[in-house]
Protein backbone atom coordinates (compact mmCIF):
# COMPACT_ATOMS: atom_id res chain seq x y z
CA UNK A 1 296.48 17.47 4.59
CA UNK A 2 299.29 18.93 6.72
CA UNK A 3 302.59 17.39 7.46
CA UNK A 4 303.00 14.66 10.01
CA UNK A 5 305.48 15.06 12.85
CA UNK A 6 307.03 11.99 14.63
CA UNK A 7 306.18 11.95 18.18
CA UNK A 8 306.75 8.35 19.35
CA UNK A 9 309.34 5.85 17.93
CA UNK A 10 308.54 2.27 17.58
CA UNK A 11 310.51 1.33 20.56
CA UNK A 12 308.71 3.74 22.77
CA UNK A 13 305.44 2.64 21.44
CA UNK A 14 306.24 -1.01 22.07
CA UNK A 15 307.47 -0.60 25.60
CA UNK A 16 304.27 1.56 26.37
CA UNK A 17 301.72 -0.97 25.13
CA UNK A 18 303.81 -3.83 26.73
CA UNK A 19 303.55 -2.07 30.07
CA UNK A 20 299.78 -1.09 29.53
CA UNK A 21 298.47 -4.57 28.31
CA UNK A 22 300.39 -6.60 30.84
CA UNK A 23 299.48 -3.99 33.51
CA UNK A 24 295.66 -4.55 32.61
CA UNK A 25 296.15 -8.23 32.93
CA UNK A 26 297.93 -7.92 36.33
CA UNK A 27 295.07 -5.85 37.46
CA UNK A 28 292.58 -8.34 36.45
CA UNK A 29 294.45 -11.47 37.66
CA UNK A 30 295.56 -9.54 40.80
CA UNK A 31 291.91 -8.98 41.69
CA UNK A 32 291.33 -12.70 40.97
CA UNK A 33 294.06 -13.71 43.65
CA UNK A 34 292.41 -11.67 46.32
CA UNK A 35 289.88 -13.56 45.45
CA UNK A 36 287.00 -11.39 44.50
CA UNK A 37 285.52 -12.98 41.27
CA UNK A 38 283.67 -15.81 43.09
CA UNK A 39 282.38 -13.35 45.69
CA UNK A 40 280.86 -11.02 43.00
CA UNK A 41 279.89 -13.70 40.58
CA UNK A 42 282.34 -12.93 37.86
CA UNK A 43 282.91 -16.69 37.61
CA UNK A 44 279.33 -17.16 36.51
CA UNK A 45 279.67 -14.88 33.41
CA UNK A 46 280.13 -16.72 30.05
CA UNK A 47 283.87 -17.54 29.33
CA UNK A 48 284.99 -16.55 32.88
CA UNK A 49 284.44 -19.92 34.70
CA UNK A 50 288.20 -20.55 34.70
CA UNK A 51 288.61 -17.50 36.94
CA UNK A 52 287.30 -19.73 39.92
CA UNK A 53 290.63 -21.71 39.74
CA UNK A 54 292.96 -19.85 42.09
CA UNK A 55 296.13 -21.79 40.79
CA UNK A 56 295.38 -20.79 37.15
CA UNK A 57 294.75 -17.16 38.10
CA UNK A 58 297.92 -17.15 40.00
CA UNK A 59 300.01 -18.72 37.12
CA UNK A 60 298.64 -16.04 34.73
CA UNK A 61 299.46 -13.46 37.21
CA UNK A 62 303.24 -14.58 37.43
CA UNK A 63 303.33 -14.89 33.54
CA UNK A 64 302.10 -11.42 32.98
CA UNK A 65 304.19 -10.10 35.74
CA UNK A 66 307.28 -11.24 33.70
CA UNK A 67 306.39 -9.27 30.74
CA UNK A 68 305.59 -6.28 33.05
CA UNK A 69 308.86 -6.38 34.82
CA UNK A 70 310.89 -6.76 31.50
CA UNK A 71 309.08 -3.87 29.99
CA UNK A 72 309.62 -1.67 33.04
CA UNK A 73 313.30 -2.53 33.30
CA UNK A 74 313.76 -2.06 29.53
CA UNK A 75 312.21 1.42 29.90
CA UNK A 76 314.48 2.35 32.76
CA UNK A 77 317.76 1.22 30.97
CA UNK A 78 316.72 2.29 27.48
CA UNK A 79 315.97 5.80 28.37
CA UNK A 80 318.60 5.90 31.18
CA UNK A 81 321.41 5.00 28.67
CA UNK A 82 320.10 7.56 26.18
CA UNK A 83 319.92 10.18 29.00
CA UNK A 84 316.38 10.89 27.91
CA UNK A 85 314.86 12.51 31.10
CA UNK A 86 312.47 14.78 29.33
CA UNK A 87 309.41 13.20 31.21
CA UNK A 88 310.77 14.31 34.68
CA UNK A 89 308.93 17.29 36.16
CA UNK A 90 310.42 20.69 35.64
CA UNK A 91 310.09 23.96 37.43
CA UNK A 92 306.56 25.48 37.17
CA UNK A 93 305.02 22.07 36.13
CA UNK A 94 302.70 21.92 39.28
CA UNK A 95 300.97 25.10 38.55
CA UNK A 96 300.87 24.49 34.87
CA UNK A 97 299.31 21.12 35.50
CA UNK A 98 296.51 22.64 37.58
CA UNK A 99 295.89 25.12 34.65
CA UNK A 100 295.98 22.41 32.05
CA UNK A 101 293.54 20.29 34.10
CA UNK A 102 291.19 23.25 34.57
CA UNK A 103 291.29 23.93 30.71
CA UNK A 104 290.34 20.32 30.02
CA UNK A 105 287.01 21.22 31.64
CA UNK A 106 286.65 24.42 29.93
CA UNK A 107 287.92 26.55 32.76
CA UNK A 108 290.70 28.94 31.39
CA UNK A 109 293.25 28.40 28.59
CA UNK A 110 296.15 25.92 28.49
CA UNK A 111 299.54 27.41 29.16
CA UNK A 112 302.19 26.80 26.32
CA UNK A 113 303.36 23.33 26.31
CA UNK A 114 306.32 21.57 25.25
CA UNK A 115 306.41 18.01 23.90
CA UNK A 116 305.11 16.64 27.11
CA UNK A 117 302.22 18.26 28.88
CA UNK A 118 303.19 19.31 32.43
CA UNK A 119 300.53 16.88 33.97
CA UNK A 120 301.99 14.07 31.90
CA UNK A 121 305.45 14.60 33.61
CA UNK A 122 303.73 14.78 37.07
CA UNK A 123 301.60 11.62 36.07
CA UNK A 124 304.73 9.87 34.87
CA UNK A 125 306.52 10.21 38.27
CA UNK A 126 303.37 9.28 40.14
CA UNK A 127 302.68 6.11 38.19
CA UNK A 128 306.53 5.30 37.92
CA UNK A 129 306.91 5.46 41.67
CA UNK A 130 303.71 3.34 42.40
CA UNK A 131 304.90 0.88 39.67
CA UNK A 132 308.27 0.47 41.34
CA UNK A 133 306.63 -0.38 44.69
CA UNK A 134 304.17 -2.88 43.04
CA UNK A 135 307.12 -4.45 41.26
CA UNK A 136 309.58 -4.76 44.31
CA UNK A 137 306.90 -6.04 46.67
CA UNK A 138 305.72 -8.53 43.96
CA UNK A 139 309.18 -9.82 43.49
CA UNK A 140 309.63 -10.32 47.14
CA UNK A 141 306.28 -12.00 47.33
CA UNK A 142 307.48 -14.52 44.74
CA UNK A 143 310.99 -14.95 46.55
CA UNK A 144 309.07 -15.94 49.85
CA UNK A 145 307.70 -18.92 48.30
CA UNK A 146 311.20 -20.42 47.82
CA UNK A 147 311.93 -22.95 50.61
CA UNK A 148 315.27 -21.46 51.45
CA UNK A 149 314.04 -17.91 51.93
CA UNK A 150 312.10 -16.98 55.00
CA UNK A 151 310.51 -13.74 56.12
CA UNK A 152 309.05 -13.38 59.50
CA UNK A 153 305.12 -13.01 59.95
CA UNK A 154 305.34 -9.21 60.43
CA UNK A 155 307.60 -8.56 57.42
CA UNK A 156 305.49 -10.76 55.28
CA UNK A 157 302.22 -9.11 56.24
CA UNK A 158 303.82 -5.61 55.67
CA UNK A 159 304.90 -6.71 52.16
CA UNK A 160 301.55 -8.14 51.31
CA UNK A 161 299.76 -4.92 52.50
CA UNK A 162 302.21 -2.66 50.53
CA UNK A 163 301.57 -4.65 47.45
CA UNK A 164 297.90 -4.46 48.00
CA UNK A 165 297.83 -0.84 48.61
CA UNK A 166 300.15 0.08 45.89
CA UNK A 167 298.28 -2.08 43.52
CA UNK A 168 295.07 -0.33 44.37
CA UNK A 169 296.85 3.01 43.81
CA UNK A 170 298.12 1.63 40.44
CA UNK A 171 294.54 0.69 39.45
CA UNK A 172 293.27 4.20 40.43
CA UNK A 173 296.14 6.11 38.58
CA UNK A 174 295.51 3.83 35.65
CA UNK A 175 291.87 4.73 35.43
CA UNK A 176 292.66 8.55 35.90
CA UNK A 177 295.08 8.18 32.99
CA UNK A 178 292.39 6.54 30.67
CA UNK A 179 289.76 9.11 31.65
CA UNK A 180 291.87 12.09 30.72
CA UNK A 181 292.93 10.31 27.39
CA UNK A 182 289.55 9.46 26.44
CA UNK A 183 287.39 12.10 27.89
CA UNK A 184 289.36 15.13 26.84
CA UNK A 185 289.09 15.56 23.19
CA UNK A 186 292.29 17.59 22.82
CA UNK A 187 294.23 14.43 24.01
CA UNK A 188 292.77 12.10 21.33
CA UNK A 189 295.58 12.90 18.76
CA UNK A 190 297.95 11.70 21.55
CA UNK A 191 296.28 8.30 21.79
CA UNK A 192 296.40 7.99 17.99
CA UNK A 193 300.10 8.91 17.93
CA UNK A 194 300.67 6.04 20.38
CA UNK A 195 299.38 3.81 17.64
CA UNK A 196 300.86 5.49 14.57
CA UNK A 197 303.83 7.39 16.04
CA UNK A 198 302.76 10.67 14.36
CA UNK A 199 300.85 13.65 15.07
CA UNK A 200 299.58 16.46 12.66
CA UNK A 201 301.89 19.52 12.36
CA UNK A 202 298.89 21.80 13.10
CA UNK A 203 298.24 20.03 16.33
CA UNK A 204 301.74 20.38 17.45
CA UNK A 205 301.70 24.06 16.47
CA UNK A 206 298.77 24.97 18.73
CA UNK A 207 298.89 22.46 21.46
CA UNK A 208 302.74 22.07 21.87
CA UNK A 209 304.04 25.51 20.73
CA UNK A 210 307.33 25.15 22.64
CA UNK A 211 308.02 21.89 21.01
CA UNK A 212 307.02 23.21 17.65
CA UNK A 213 309.48 26.17 17.93
CA UNK A 214 312.45 23.87 18.62
CA UNK A 215 311.35 21.74 15.68
CA UNK A 216 310.86 24.65 13.27
CA UNK A 217 314.40 25.98 14.22
CA UNK A 218 315.86 22.52 13.69
CA UNK A 219 314.38 22.34 10.10
CA UNK A 220 315.64 25.85 9.04
């Protein structure tokens, strides 16, 4: 067995899974708030009768939103204070991302990658921007329920529309993310690393040669 290399610390894994799990539940309860479950007979499935109760689904949506907001804000402040901006796109990432995606389907070779794959950096920005819109519009939707805060009908309908559209885009990006993690075999070690924190040295050497070279120099 080769050496293991640490890729994700405990804090990074915790914030990732808090965002992921609370995000999944927000998607589920958000669809229930539209409402869609009764219309498409989800409420008839065993164990899902409670989803017919709009107030129960809404309360759960708010509860999971608290965890989601906390995780997102923690991520921003934690990495901001550490000045860790390695997940932001770099020059040449767009072309490299296209090559990576094509290579995922057996079309061409992957370009040399750093710790983060170029498409991971672009996905981070896309999902991050969408998440912020969902978060901000969601907070405004909660505030409008307070009796001393009033938004005009046009503002309220615009906020509702933005929240719905950004929520739909979040769902789309989420499933694209899941697809590339599960469907592309070369990404499986990254999923395992998000659980254990570590990847095999040989994997890093061949899939992330730029990162491996920095690690090798550091250990010399």
